[in-house]
ModelCIF file with pLDDT and N, C-alpha, C, O atoms, coordinates in Angstrom:
data_MODEL
#
_entry.id   MODEL 
#
_entity.id                         1 
_entity.type                       polymer 
_entity.pdbx_number_of_molecules   1 
#
_entity_poly.entity_id                      1 
_entity_poly.type                           'polypeptide(L)' 
_entity_poly.nstd_linkage                   no 
_entity_poly.nstd_monomer                   no 
_entity_poly.pdbx_seq_one_letter_code       WTQMLASNLKSDSFGEALVKTFDGKHPCCLCKRISTEKKSEKKSDFNL 
_entity_poly.pdbx_seq_one_letter_code_can   WTQMLASNLKSDSFGEALVKTFDGKHPCCLCKRISTEKKSEKKSDFNL 
_entity_poly.pdbx_strand_id                 A 
#
loop_
_entity_poly_seq.entity_id 
_entity_poly_seq.num 
_entity_poly_seq.mon_id 
_entity_poly_seq.hetero 
1 1  TRP n 
1 2  THR n 
1 3  GLN n 
1 4  MET n 
1 5  LEU n 
1 6  ALA n 
1 7  SER n 
1 8  ASN n 
1 9  LEU n 
1 10 LYS n 
1 11 SER n 
1 12 ASP n 
1 13 SER n 
1 14 PHE n 
1 15 GLY n 
1 16 GLU n 
1 17 ALA n 
1 18 LEU n 
1 19 VAL n 
1 20 LYS n 
1 21 THR n 
1 22 PHE n 
1 23 ASP n 
1 24 GLY n 
1 25 LYS n 
1 26 HIS n 
1 27 PRO n 
1 28 CYS n 
1 29 CYS n 
1 30 LEU n 
1 31 CYS n 
1 32 LYS n 
1 33 ARG n 
1 34 ILE n 
1 35 SER n 
1 36 THR n 
1 37 GLU n 
1 38 LYS n 
1 39 LYS n 
1 40 SER n 
1 41 GLU n 
1 42 LYS n 
1 43 LYS n 
1 44 SER n 
1 45 ASP n 
1 46 PHE n 
1 47 ASN n 
1 48 LEU n 
#
_struct_asym.id          A 
_struct_asym.entity_id   1 
#
loop_
_ma_qa_metric.id 
_ma_qa_metric.mode 
_ma_qa_metric.name 
_ma_qa_metric.software_group_id 
_ma_qa_metric.type 
1 global pLDDT . pLDDT 
2 local  pLDDT . pLDDT 
#
_ma_qa_metric_global.metric_id      1 
_ma_qa_metric_global.metric_value   84.44 
_ma_qa_metric_global.model_id       1 
_ma_qa_metric_global.ordinal_id     1 
#
loop_
_ma_qa_metric_local.label_asym_id 
_ma_qa_metric_local.label_comp_id 
_ma_qa_metric_local.label_seq_id 
_ma_qa_metric_local.metric_id 
_ma_qa_metric_local.metric_value 
_ma_qa_metric_local.model_id 
_ma_qa_metric_local.ordinal_id 
A TRP 1  2 91.00 1 1  
A THR 2  2 92.00 1 2  
A GLN 3  2 92.00 1 3  
A MET 4  2 91.00 1 4  
A LEU 5  2 91.00 1 5  
A ALA 6  2 91.00 1 6  
A SER 7  2 91.00 1 7  
A ASN 8  2 90.00 1 8  
A LEU 9  2 91.00 1 9  
A LYS 10 2 91.00 1 10 
A SER 11 2 90.00 1 11 
A ASP 12 2 88.00 1 12 
A SER 13 2 90.00 1 13 
A PHE 14 2 91.00 1 14 
A GLY 15 2 90.00 1 15 
A GLU 16 2 90.00 1 16 
A ALA 17 2 89.00 1 17 
A LEU 18 2 89.00 1 18 
A VAL 19 2 90.00 1 19 
A LYS 20 2 89.00 1 20 
A THR 21 2 88.00 1 21 
A PHE 22 2 88.00 1 22 
A ASP 23 2 89.00 1 23 
A GLY 24 2 85.00 1 24 
A LYS 25 2 89.00 1 25 
A HIS 26 2 86.00 1 26 
A PRO 27 2 88.00 1 27 
A CYS 28 2 89.00 1 28 
A CYS 29 2 89.00 1 29 
A LEU 30 2 89.00 1 30 
A CYS 31 2 89.00 1 31 
A LYS 32 2 89.00 1 32 
A ARG 33 2 89.00 1 33 
A ILE 34 2 86.00 1 34 
A SER 35 2 87.00 1 35 
A THR 36 2 88.00 1 36 
A GLU 37 2 85.00 1 37 
A LYS 38 2 83.00 1 38 
A LYS 39 2 83.00 1 39 
A SER 40 2 82.00 1 40 
A GLU 41 2 74.00 1 41 
A LYS 42 2 67.00 1 42 
A LYS 43 2 64.00 1 43 
A SER 44 2 58.00 1 44 
A ASP 45 2 59.00 1 45 
A PHE 46 2 62.00 1 46 
A ASN 47 2 63.00 1 47 
A LEU 48 2 58.00 1 48 
#
loop_
_atom_site.group_PDB 
_atom_site.id 
_atom_site.type_symbol 
_atom_site.label_atom_id 
_atom_site.label_alt_id 
_atom_site.label_comp_id 
_atom_site.label_asym_id 
_atom_site.label_entity_id 
_atom_site.label_seq_id 
_atom_site.pdbx_PDB_ins_code 
_atom_site.Cartn_x 
_atom_site.Cartn_y 
_atom_site.Cartn_z 
_atom_site.occupancy 
_atom_site.B_iso_or_equiv 
_atom_site.pdbx_formal_charge 
_atom_site.auth_seq_id 
_atom_site.auth_comp_id 
_atom_site.auth_asym_id 
_atom_site.auth_atom_id 
_atom_site.pdbx_PDB_model_num 
ATOM 1   N N  . TRP A 1 1  ? 4.891   -3.090 -0.706 1.00 91.00 ? 1  TRP A N  1 
ATOM 2   C CA . TRP A 1 1  ? 6.149   -2.963 0.014  1.00 91.00 ? 1  TRP A CA 1 
ATOM 3   C C  . TRP A 1 1  ? 7.243   -3.823 -0.622 1.00 91.00 ? 1  TRP A C  1 
ATOM 4   O O  . TRP A 1 1  ? 8.400   -3.408 -0.696 1.00 91.00 ? 1  TRP A O  1 
ATOM 5   N N  . THR A 1 2  ? 6.877   -5.009 -1.074 1.00 92.00 ? 2  THR A N  1 
ATOM 6   C CA . THR A 1 2  ? 7.865   -5.877 -1.722 1.00 92.00 ? 2  THR A CA 1 
ATOM 7   C C  . THR A 1 2  ? 8.389   -5.240 -2.997 1.00 92.00 ? 2  THR A C  1 
ATOM 8   O O  . THR A 1 2  ? 9.591   -5.261 -3.261 1.00 92.00 ? 2  THR A O  1 
ATOM 9   N N  . GLN A 1 3  ? 7.487   -4.673 -3.785 1.00 92.00 ? 3  GLN A N  1 
ATOM 10  C CA . GLN A 1 3  ? 7.909   -4.003 -5.019 1.00 92.00 ? 3  GLN A CA 1 
ATOM 11  C C  . GLN A 1 3  ? 8.760   -2.774 -4.714 1.00 92.00 ? 3  GLN A C  1 
ATOM 12  O O  . GLN A 1 3  ? 9.750   -2.517 -5.398 1.00 92.00 ? 3  GLN A O  1 
ATOM 13  N N  . MET A 1 4  ? 8.378   -2.017 -3.693 1.00 91.00 ? 4  MET A N  1 
ATOM 14  C CA . MET A 1 4  ? 9.157   -0.839 -3.323 1.00 91.00 ? 4  MET A CA 1 
ATOM 15  C C  . MET A 1 4  ? 10.553  -1.231 -2.857 1.00 91.00 ? 4  MET A C  1 
ATOM 16  O O  . MET A 1 4  ? 11.535  -0.588 -3.226 1.00 91.00 ? 4  MET A O  1 
ATOM 17  N N  . LEU A 1 5  ? 10.647  -2.284 -2.046 1.00 91.00 ? 5  LEU A N  1 
ATOM 18  C CA . LEU A 1 5  ? 11.947  -2.726 -1.558 1.00 91.00 ? 5  LEU A CA 1 
ATOM 19  C C  . LEU A 1 5  ? 12.827  -3.189 -2.712 1.00 91.00 ? 5  LEU A C  1 
ATOM 20  O O  . LEU A 1 5  ? 14.024  -2.901 -2.745 1.00 91.00 ? 5  LEU A O  1 
ATOM 21  N N  . ALA A 1 6  ? 12.227  -3.908 -3.655 1.00 91.00 ? 6  ALA A N  1 
ATOM 22  C CA . ALA A 1 6  ? 13.002  -4.385 -4.808 1.00 91.00 ? 6  ALA A CA 1 
ATOM 23  C C  . ALA A 1 6  ? 13.504  -3.215 -5.656 1.00 91.00 ? 6  ALA A C  1 
ATOM 24  O O  . ALA A 1 6  ? 14.647  -3.218 -6.113 1.00 91.00 ? 6  ALA A O  1 
ATOM 25  N N  . SER A 1 7  ? 12.657  -2.234 -5.858 1.00 91.00 ? 7  SER A N  1 
ATOM 26  C CA . SER A 1 7  ? 13.099  -1.088 -6.670 1.00 91.00 ? 7  SER A CA 1 
ATOM 27  C C  . SER A 1 7  ? 14.103  -0.215 -5.914 1.00 91.00 ? 7  SER A C  1 
ATOM 28  O O  . SER A 1 7  ? 15.005  0.351  -6.531 1.00 91.00 ? 7  SER A O  1 
ATOM 29  N N  . ASN A 1 8  ? 13.966  -0.097 -4.610 1.00 90.00 ? 8  ASN A N  1 
ATOM 30  C CA . ASN A 1 8  ? 14.918  0.690  -3.818 1.00 90.00 ? 8  ASN A CA 1 
ATOM 31  C C  . ASN A 1 8  ? 16.264  -0.010 -3.703 1.00 90.00 ? 8  ASN A C  1 
ATOM 32  O O  . ASN A 1 8  ? 17.290  0.655  -3.561 1.00 90.00 ? 8  ASN A O  1 
ATOM 33  N N  . LEU A 1 9  ? 16.281  -1.341 -3.761 1.00 91.00 ? 9  LEU A N  1 
ATOM 34  C CA . LEU A 1 9  ? 17.540  -2.069 -3.674 1.00 91.00 ? 9  LEU A CA 1 
ATOM 35  C C  . LEU A 1 9  ? 18.391  -1.875 -4.921 1.00 91.00 ? 9  LEU A C  1 
ATOM 36  O O  . LEU A 1 9  ? 19.601  -2.096 -4.879 1.00 91.00 ? 9  LEU A O  1 
ATOM 37  N N  . LYS A 1 10 ? 17.790  -1.473 -6.008 1.00 91.00 ? 10 LYS A N  1 
ATOM 38  C CA . LYS A 1 10 ? 18.559  -1.248 -7.237 1.00 91.00 ? 10 LYS A CA 1 
ATOM 39  C C  . LYS A 1 10 ? 19.494  -0.046 -7.113 1.00 91.00 ? 10 LYS A C  1 
ATOM 40  O O  . LYS A 1 10 ? 20.552  0.002  -7.739 1.00 91.00 ? 10 LYS A O  1 
ATOM 41  N N  . SER A 1 11 ? 19.081  0.928  -6.290 1.00 90.00 ? 11 SER A N  1 
ATOM 42  C CA . SER A 1 11 ? 19.881  2.147  -6.194 1.00 90.00 ? 11 SER A CA 1 
ATOM 43  C C  . SER A 1 11 ? 20.498  2.386  -4.816 1.00 90.00 ? 11 SER A C  1 
ATOM 44  O O  . SER A 1 11 ? 21.440  3.169  -4.697 1.00 90.00 ? 11 SER A O  1 
ATOM 45  N N  . ASP A 1 12 ? 19.993  1.735  -3.785 1.00 88.00 ? 12 ASP A N  1 
ATOM 46  C CA . ASP A 1 12 ? 20.469  1.985  -2.427 1.00 88.00 ? 12 ASP A CA 1 
ATOM 47  C C  . ASP A 1 12 ? 20.966  0.692  -1.787 1.00 88.00 ? 12 ASP A C  1 
ATOM 48  O O  . ASP A 1 12 ? 20.741  -0.402 -2.305 1.00 88.00 ? 12 ASP A O  1 
ATOM 49  N N  . SER A 1 13 ? 21.648  0.841  -0.645 1.00 90.00 ? 13 SER A N  1 
ATOM 50  C CA . SER A 1 13 ? 22.051  -0.338 0.115  1.00 90.00 ? 13 SER A CA 1 
ATOM 51  C C  . SER A 1 13 ? 20.821  -0.936 0.784  1.00 90.00 ? 13 SER A C  1 
ATOM 52  O O  . SER A 1 13 ? 19.746  -0.337 0.777  1.00 90.00 ? 13 SER A O  1 
ATOM 53  N N  . PHE A 1 14 ? 20.990  -2.131 1.364  1.00 91.00 ? 14 PHE A N  1 
ATOM 54  C CA . PHE A 1 14 ? 19.840  -2.811 1.960  1.00 91.00 ? 14 PHE A CA 1 
ATOM 55  C C  . PHE A 1 14 ? 19.234  -2.004 3.101  1.00 91.00 ? 14 PHE A C  1 
ATOM 56  O O  . PHE A 1 14 ? 18.013  -1.870 3.175  1.00 91.00 ? 14 PHE A O  1 
ATOM 57  N N  . GLY A 1 15 ? 20.049  -1.475 3.975  1.00 90.00 ? 15 GLY A N  1 
ATOM 58  C CA . GLY A 1 15 ? 19.544  -0.695 5.109  1.00 90.00 ? 15 GLY A CA 1 
ATOM 59  C C  . GLY A 1 15 ? 18.819  0.562  4.663  1.00 90.00 ? 15 GLY A C  1 
ATOM 60  O O  . GLY A 1 15 ? 17.742  0.879  5.169  1.00 90.00 ? 15 GLY A O  1 
ATOM 61  N N  . GLU A 1 16 ? 19.407  1.276  3.717  1.00 90.00 ? 16 GLU A N  1 
ATOM 62  C CA . GLU A 1 16 ? 18.761  2.495  3.213  1.00 90.00 ? 16 GLU A CA 1 
ATOM 63  C C  . GLU A 1 16 ? 17.467  2.161  2.477  1.00 90.00 ? 16 GLU A C  1 
ATOM 64  O O  . GLU A 1 16 ? 16.475  2.876  2.613  1.00 90.00 ? 16 GLU A O  1 
ATOM 65  N N  . ALA A 1 17 ? 17.471  1.080  1.697  1.00 89.00 ? 17 ALA A N  1 
ATOM 66  C CA . ALA A 1 17 ? 16.274  0.681  0.971  1.00 89.00 ? 17 ALA A CA 1 
ATOM 67  C C  . ALA A 1 17 ? 15.161  0.277  1.928  1.00 89.00 ? 17 ALA A C  1 
ATOM 68  O O  . ALA A 1 17 ? 13.989  0.569  1.688  1.00 89.00 ? 17 ALA A O  1 
ATOM 69  N N  . LEU A 1 18 ? 15.531  -0.393 3.008  1.00 89.00 ? 18 LEU A N  1 
ATOM 70  C CA . LEU A 1 18 ? 14.543  -0.811 4.007  1.00 89.00 ? 18 LEU A CA 1 
ATOM 71  C C  . LEU A 1 18 ? 13.923  0.397  4.691  1.00 89.00 ? 18 LEU A C  1 
ATOM 72  O O  . LEU A 1 18 ? 12.706  0.455  4.861  1.00 89.00 ? 18 LEU A O  1 
ATOM 73  N N  . VAL A 1 19 ? 14.742  1.356  5.082  1.00 90.00 ? 19 VAL A N  1 
ATOM 74  C CA . VAL A 1 19 ? 14.229  2.567  5.732  1.00 90.00 ? 19 VAL A CA 1 
ATOM 75  C C  . VAL A 1 19 ? 13.368  3.357  4.764  1.00 90.00 ? 19 VAL A C  1 
ATOM 76  O O  . VAL A 1 19 ? 12.306  3.854  5.139  1.00 90.00 ? 19 VAL A O  1 
ATOM 77  N N  . LYS A 1 20 ? 13.814  3.478  3.526  1.00 89.00 ? 20 LYS A N  1 
ATOM 78  C CA . LYS A 1 20 ? 13.076  4.243  2.523  1.00 89.00 ? 20 LYS A CA 1 
ATOM 79  C C  . LYS A 1 20 ? 11.729  3.597  2.199  1.00 89.00 ? 20 LYS A C  1 
ATOM 80  O O  . LYS A 1 20 ? 10.761  4.288  1.881  1.00 89.00 ? 20 LYS A O  1 
ATOM 81  N N  . THR A 1 21 ? 11.675  2.275  2.280  1.00 88.00 ? 21 THR A N  1 
ATOM 82  C CA . THR A 1 21 ? 10.434  1.559  1.986  1.00 88.00 ? 21 THR A CA 1 
ATOM 83  C C  . THR A 1 21 ? 9.398   1.771  3.082  1.00 88.00 ? 21 THR A C  1 
ATOM 84  O O  . THR A 1 21 ? 8.224   1.991  2.788  1.00 88.00 ? 21 THR A O  1 
ATOM 85  N N  . PHE A 1 22 ? 9.817   1.707  4.334  1.00 88.00 ? 22 PHE A N  1 
ATOM 86  C CA . PHE A 1 22 ? 8.863   1.708  5.440  1.00 88.00 ? 22 PHE A CA 1 
ATOM 87  C C  . PHE A 1 22 ? 8.751   3.022  6.199  1.00 88.00 ? 22 PHE A C  1 
ATOM 88  O O  . PHE A 1 22 ? 8.028   3.066  7.194  1.00 88.00 ? 22 PHE A O  1 
ATOM 89  N N  . ASP A 1 23 ? 9.424   4.096  5.790  1.00 89.00 ? 23 ASP A N  1 
ATOM 90  C CA . ASP A 1 23 ? 9.333   5.348  6.540  1.00 89.00 ? 23 ASP A CA 1 
ATOM 91  C C  . ASP A 1 23 ? 8.045   6.119  6.273  1.00 89.00 ? 23 ASP A C  1 
ATOM 92  O O  . ASP A 1 23 ? 7.675   6.978  7.073  1.00 89.00 ? 23 ASP A O  1 
ATOM 93  N N  . GLY A 1 24 ? 7.368   5.844  5.197  1.00 85.00 ? 24 GLY A N  1 
ATOM 94  C CA . GLY A 1 24 ? 6.114   6.529  4.885  1.00 85.00 ? 24 GLY A CA 1 
ATOM 95  C C  . GLY A 1 24 ? 6.298   7.840  4.156  1.00 85.00 ? 24 GLY A C  1 
ATOM 96  O O  . GLY A 1 24 ? 5.315   8.473  3.772  1.00 85.00 ? 24 GLY A O  1 
ATOM 97  N N  . LYS A 1 25 ? 7.528   8.260  3.957  1.00 89.00 ? 25 LYS A N  1 
ATOM 98  C CA . LYS A 1 25 ? 7.793   9.524  3.273  1.00 89.00 ? 25 LYS A CA 1 
ATOM 99  C C  . LYS A 1 25 ? 7.952   9.335  1.768  1.00 89.00 ? 25 LYS A C  1 
ATOM 100 O O  . LYS A 1 25 ? 7.901   10.306 1.013  1.00 89.00 ? 25 LYS A O  1 
ATOM 101 N N  . HIS A 1 26 ? 8.145   8.097  1.329  1.00 86.00 ? 26 HIS A N  1 
ATOM 102 C CA . HIS A 1 26 ? 8.366   7.808  -0.082 1.00 86.00 ? 26 HIS A CA 1 
ATOM 103 C C  . HIS A 1 26 ? 7.363   6.760  -0.585 1.00 86.00 ? 26 HIS A C  1 
ATOM 104 O O  . HIS A 1 26 ? 7.787   5.688  -1.017 1.00 86.00 ? 26 HIS A O  1 
ATOM 105 N N  . PRO A 1 27 ? 6.053   7.027  -0.545 1.00 88.00 ? 27 PRO A N  1 
ATOM 106 C CA . PRO A 1 27 ? 5.091   6.007  -0.989 1.00 88.00 ? 27 PRO A CA 1 
ATOM 107 C C  . PRO A 1 27 ? 5.104   5.861  -2.509 1.00 88.00 ? 27 PRO A C  1 
ATOM 108 O O  . PRO A 1 27 ? 5.310   6.829  -3.242 1.00 88.00 ? 27 PRO A O  1 
ATOM 109 N N  . CYS A 1 28 ? 4.883   4.655  -2.954 1.00 89.00 ? 28 CYS A N  1 
ATOM 110 C CA . CYS A 1 28 ? 4.790   4.405  -4.392 1.00 89.00 ? 28 CYS A CA 1 
ATOM 111 C C  . CYS A 1 28 ? 3.348   4.667  -4.839 1.00 89.00 ? 28 CYS A C  1 
ATOM 112 O O  . CYS A 1 28 ? 2.486   4.976  -4.016 1.00 89.00 ? 28 CYS A O  1 
ATOM 113 N N  . CYS A 1 29 ? 3.090   4.542  -6.143 1.00 89.00 ? 29 CYS A N  1 
ATOM 114 C CA . CYS A 1 29 ? 1.747   4.813  -6.650 1.00 89.00 ? 29 CYS A CA 1 
ATOM 115 C C  . CYS A 1 29 ? 0.743   3.781  -6.126 1.00 89.00 ? 29 CYS A C  1 
ATOM 116 O O  . CYS A 1 29 ? -0.421  4.111  -5.901 1.00 89.00 ? 29 CYS A O  1 
ATOM 117 N N  . LEU A 1 30 ? 1.185   2.538  -5.932 1.00 89.00 ? 30 LEU A N  1 
ATOM 118 C CA . LEU A 1 30 ? 0.283   1.511  -5.398 1.00 89.00 ? 30 LEU A CA 1 
ATOM 119 C C  . LEU A 1 30 ? -0.070  1.804  -3.945 1.00 89.00 ? 30 LEU A C  1 
ATOM 120 O O  . LEU A 1 30 ? -1.213  1.604  -3.536 1.00 89.00 ? 30 LEU A O  1 
ATOM 121 N N  . CYS A 1 31 ? 0.893   2.274  -3.163 1.00 89.00 ? 31 CYS A N  1 
ATOM 122 C CA . CYS A 1 31 ? 0.622   2.635  -1.761 1.00 89.00 ? 31 CYS A CA 1 
ATOM 123 C C  . CYS A 1 31 ? -0.374  3.785  -1.676 1.00 89.00 ? 31 CYS A C  1 
ATOM 124 O O  . CYS A 1 31 ? -1.272  3.773  -0.835 1.00 89.00 ? 31 CYS A O  1 
ATOM 125 N N  . LYS A 1 32 ? -0.214  4.774  -2.545 1.00 89.00 ? 32 LYS A N  1 
ATOM 126 C CA . LYS A 1 32 ? -1.140  5.908  -2.562 1.00 89.00 ? 32 LYS A CA 1 
ATOM 127 C C  . LYS A 1 32 ? -2.536  5.450  -2.933 1.00 89.00 ? 32 LYS A C  1 
ATOM 128 O O  . LYS A 1 32 ? -3.520  5.892  -2.340 1.00 89.00 ? 32 LYS A O  1 
ATOM 129 N N  . ARG A 1 33 ? -2.622  4.565  -3.915 1.00 89.00 ? 33 ARG A N  1 
ATOM 130 C CA . ARG A 1 33 ? -3.928  4.064  -4.354 1.00 89.00 ? 33 ARG A CA 1 
ATOM 131 C C  . ARG A 1 33 ? -4.608  3.237  -3.263 1.00 89.00 ? 33 ARG A C  1 
ATOM 132 O O  . ARG A 1 33 ? -5.815  3.354  -3.053 1.00 89.00 ? 33 ARG A O  1 
ATOM 133 N N  . ILE A 1 34 ? -3.837  2.407  -2.574 1.00 86.00 ? 34 ILE A N  1 
ATOM 134 C CA . ILE A 1 34 ? -4.387  1.604  -1.473 1.00 86.00 ? 34 ILE A CA 1 
ATOM 135 C C  . ILE A 1 34 ? -4.915  2.513  -0.373 1.00 86.00 ? 34 ILE A C  1 
ATOM 136 O O  . ILE A 1 34 ? -5.984  2.260  0.184  1.00 86.00 ? 34 ILE A O  1 
ATOM 137 N N  . SER A 1 35 ? -4.176  3.564  -0.060 1.00 87.00 ? 35 SER A N  1 
ATOM 138 C CA . SER A 1 35 ? -4.586  4.496  0.988  1.00 87.00 ? 35 SER A CA 1 
ATOM 139 C C  . SER A 1 35 ? -5.895  5.197  0.630  1.00 87.00 ? 35 SER A C  1 
ATOM 140 O O  . SER A 1 35 ? -6.787  5.308  1.471  1.00 87.00 ? 35 SER A O  1 
ATOM 141 N N  . THR A 1 36 ? -6.014  5.667  -0.601 1.00 88.00 ? 36 THR A N  1 
ATOM 142 C CA . THR A 1 36 ? -7.247  6.359  -0.996 1.00 88.00 ? 36 THR A CA 1 
ATOM 143 C C  . THR A 1 36 ? -8.429  5.395  -1.056 1.00 88.00 ? 36 THR A C  1 
ATOM 144 O O  . THR A 1 36 ? -9.543  5.764  -0.684 1.00 88.00 ? 36 THR A O  1 
ATOM 145 N N  . GLU A 1 37 ? -8.206  4.178  -1.515 1.00 85.00 ? 37 GLU A N  1 
ATOM 146 C CA . GLU A 1 37 ? -9.302  3.209  -1.597 1.00 85.00 ? 37 GLU A CA 1 
ATOM 147 C C  . GLU A 1 37 ? -9.763  2.759  -0.213 1.00 85.00 ? 37 GLU A C  1 
ATOM 148 O O  . GLU A 1 37 ? -10.956 2.539  -0.001 1.00 85.00 ? 37 GLU A O  1 
ATOM 149 N N  . LYS A 1 38 ? -8.831  2.619  0.730  1.00 83.00 ? 38 LYS A N  1 
ATOM 150 C CA . LYS A 1 38 ? -9.221  2.243  2.094  1.00 83.00 ? 38 LYS A CA 1 
ATOM 151 C C  . LYS A 1 38 ? -10.067 3.331  2.736  1.00 83.00 ? 38 LYS A C  1 
ATOM 152 O O  . LYS A 1 38 ? -11.012 3.037  3.468  1.00 83.00 ? 38 LYS A O  1 
ATOM 153 N N  . LYS A 1 39 ? -9.725  4.601  2.460  1.00 83.00 ? 39 LYS A N  1 
ATOM 154 C CA . LYS A 1 39 ? -10.494 5.706  3.030  1.00 83.00 ? 39 LYS A CA 1 
ATOM 155 C C  . LYS A 1 39 ? -11.874 5.813  2.402  1.00 83.00 ? 39 LYS A C  1 
ATOM 156 O O  . LYS A 1 39 ? -12.841 6.158  3.082  1.00 83.00 ? 39 LYS A O  1 
ATOM 157 N N  . SER A 1 40 ? -11.972 5.519  1.106  1.00 82.00 ? 40 SER A N  1 
ATOM 158 C CA . SER A 1 40 ? -13.253 5.671  0.418  1.00 82.00 ? 40 SER A CA 1 
ATOM 159 C C  . SER A 1 40 ? -14.124 4.421  0.510  1.00 82.00 ? 40 SER A C  1 
ATOM 160 O O  . SER A 1 40 ? -15.263 4.424  0.044  1.00 82.00 ? 40 SER A O  1 
ATOM 161 N N  . GLU A 1 41 ? -13.599 3.358  1.106  1.00 74.00 ? 41 GLU A N  1 
ATOM 162 C CA . GLU A 1 41 ? -14.371 2.120  1.217  1.00 74.00 ? 41 GLU A CA 1 
ATOM 163 C C  . GLU A 1 41 ? -15.602 2.355  2.075  1.00 74.00 ? 41 GLU A C  1 
ATOM 164 O O  . GLU A 1 41 ? -15.523 2.955  3.147  1.00 74.00 ? 41 GLU A O  1 
ATOM 165 N N  . LYS A 1 42 ? -16.740 1.875  1.591  1.00 67.00 ? 42 LYS A N  1 
ATOM 166 C CA . LYS A 1 42 ? -17.998 2.074  2.313  1.00 67.00 ? 42 LYS A CA 1 
ATOM 167 C C  . LYS A 1 42 ? -18.030 1.160  3.523  1.00 67.00 ? 42 LYS A C  1 
ATOM 168 O O  . LYS A 1 42 ? -17.806 -0.046 3.419  1.00 67.00 ? 42 LYS A O  1 
ATOM 169 N N  . LYS A 1 43 ? -18.308 1.747  4.656  1.00 64.00 ? 43 LYS A N  1 
ATOM 170 C CA . LYS A 1 43 ? -18.444 0.971  5.877  1.00 64.00 ? 43 LYS A CA 1 
ATOM 171 C C  . LYS A 1 43 ? -19.846 0.374  5.907  1.00 64.00 ? 43 LYS A C  1 
ATOM 172 O O  . LYS A 1 43 ? -20.779 0.934  5.332  1.00 64.00 ? 43 LYS A O  1 
ATOM 173 N N  . SER A 1 44 ? -19.987 -0.746 6.569  1.00 58.00 ? 44 SER A N  1 
ATOM 174 C CA . SER A 1 44 ? -21.297 -1.396 6.629  1.00 58.00 ? 44 SER A CA 1 
ATOM 175 C C  . SER A 1 44 ? -22.252 -0.562 7.482  1.00 58.00 ? 44 SER A C  1 
ATOM 176 O O  . SER A 1 44 ? -21.849 0.084  8.449  1.00 58.00 ? 44 SER A O  1 
ATOM 177 N N  . ASP A 1 45 ? -23.518 -0.594 7.099  1.00 59.00 ? 45 ASP A N  1 
ATOM 178 C CA . ASP A 1 45 ? -24.537 0.176  7.805  1.00 59.00 ? 45 ASP A CA 1 
ATOM 179 C C  . ASP A 1 45 ? -25.173 -0.633 8.925  1.00 59.00 ? 45 ASP A C  1 
ATOM 180 O O  . ASP A 1 45 ? -26.153 -0.186 9.521  1.00 59.00 ? 45 ASP A O  1 
ATOM 181 N N  . PHE A 1 46 ? -24.655 -1.775 9.217  1.00 62.00 ? 46 PHE A N  1 
ATOM 182 C CA . PHE A 1 46 ? -25.211 -2.635 10.246 1.00 62.00 ? 46 PHE A CA 1 
ATOM 183 C C  . PHE A 1 46 ? -24.782 -2.142 11.615 1.00 62.00 ? 46 PHE A C  1 
ATOM 184 O O  . PHE A 1 46 ? -23.598 -2.167 11.952 1.00 62.00 ? 46 PHE A O  1 
ATOM 185 N N  . ASN A 1 47 ? -25.734 -1.701 12.390 1.00 63.00 ? 47 ASN A N  1 
ATOM 186 C CA . ASN A 1 47 ? -25.457 -1.251 13.751 1.00 63.00 ? 47 ASN A CA 1 
ATOM 187 C C  . ASN A 1 47 ? -26.200 -2.156 14.714 1.00 63.00 ? 47 ASN A C  1 
ATOM 188 O O  . ASN A 1 47 ? -27.407 -2.360 14.577 1.00 63.00 ? 47 ASN A O  1 
ATOM 189 N N  . LEU A 1 48 ? -25.509 -2.681 15.656 1.00 58.00 ? 48 LEU A N  1 
ATOM 190 C CA . LEU A 1 48 ? -26.114 -3.542 16.649 1.00 58.00 ? 48 LEU A CA 1 
ATOM 191 C C  . LEU A 1 48 ? -26.309 -2.722 17.916 1.00 58.00 ? 48 LEU A C  1 
ATOM 192 O O  . LEU A 1 48 ? -26.812 -3.238 18.914 1.00 58.00 ? 48 LEU A O  1 
#
C-alpha cells in the first residue's frame, strides 16, 4: 500500500491517490501476489 500510494501520488492528487490505493479496483502486482499466496497457504491440520 505504501508503494502504491507513492506511485499514485506522482500522477494524482493526494485524495485521488488515497482512494485509488485503497479501493481494491487498482491492485498492484505485489497486492495480487499477496492475495494468491494467502489463498494457497496451507492451513494447519491440527484439529482440537
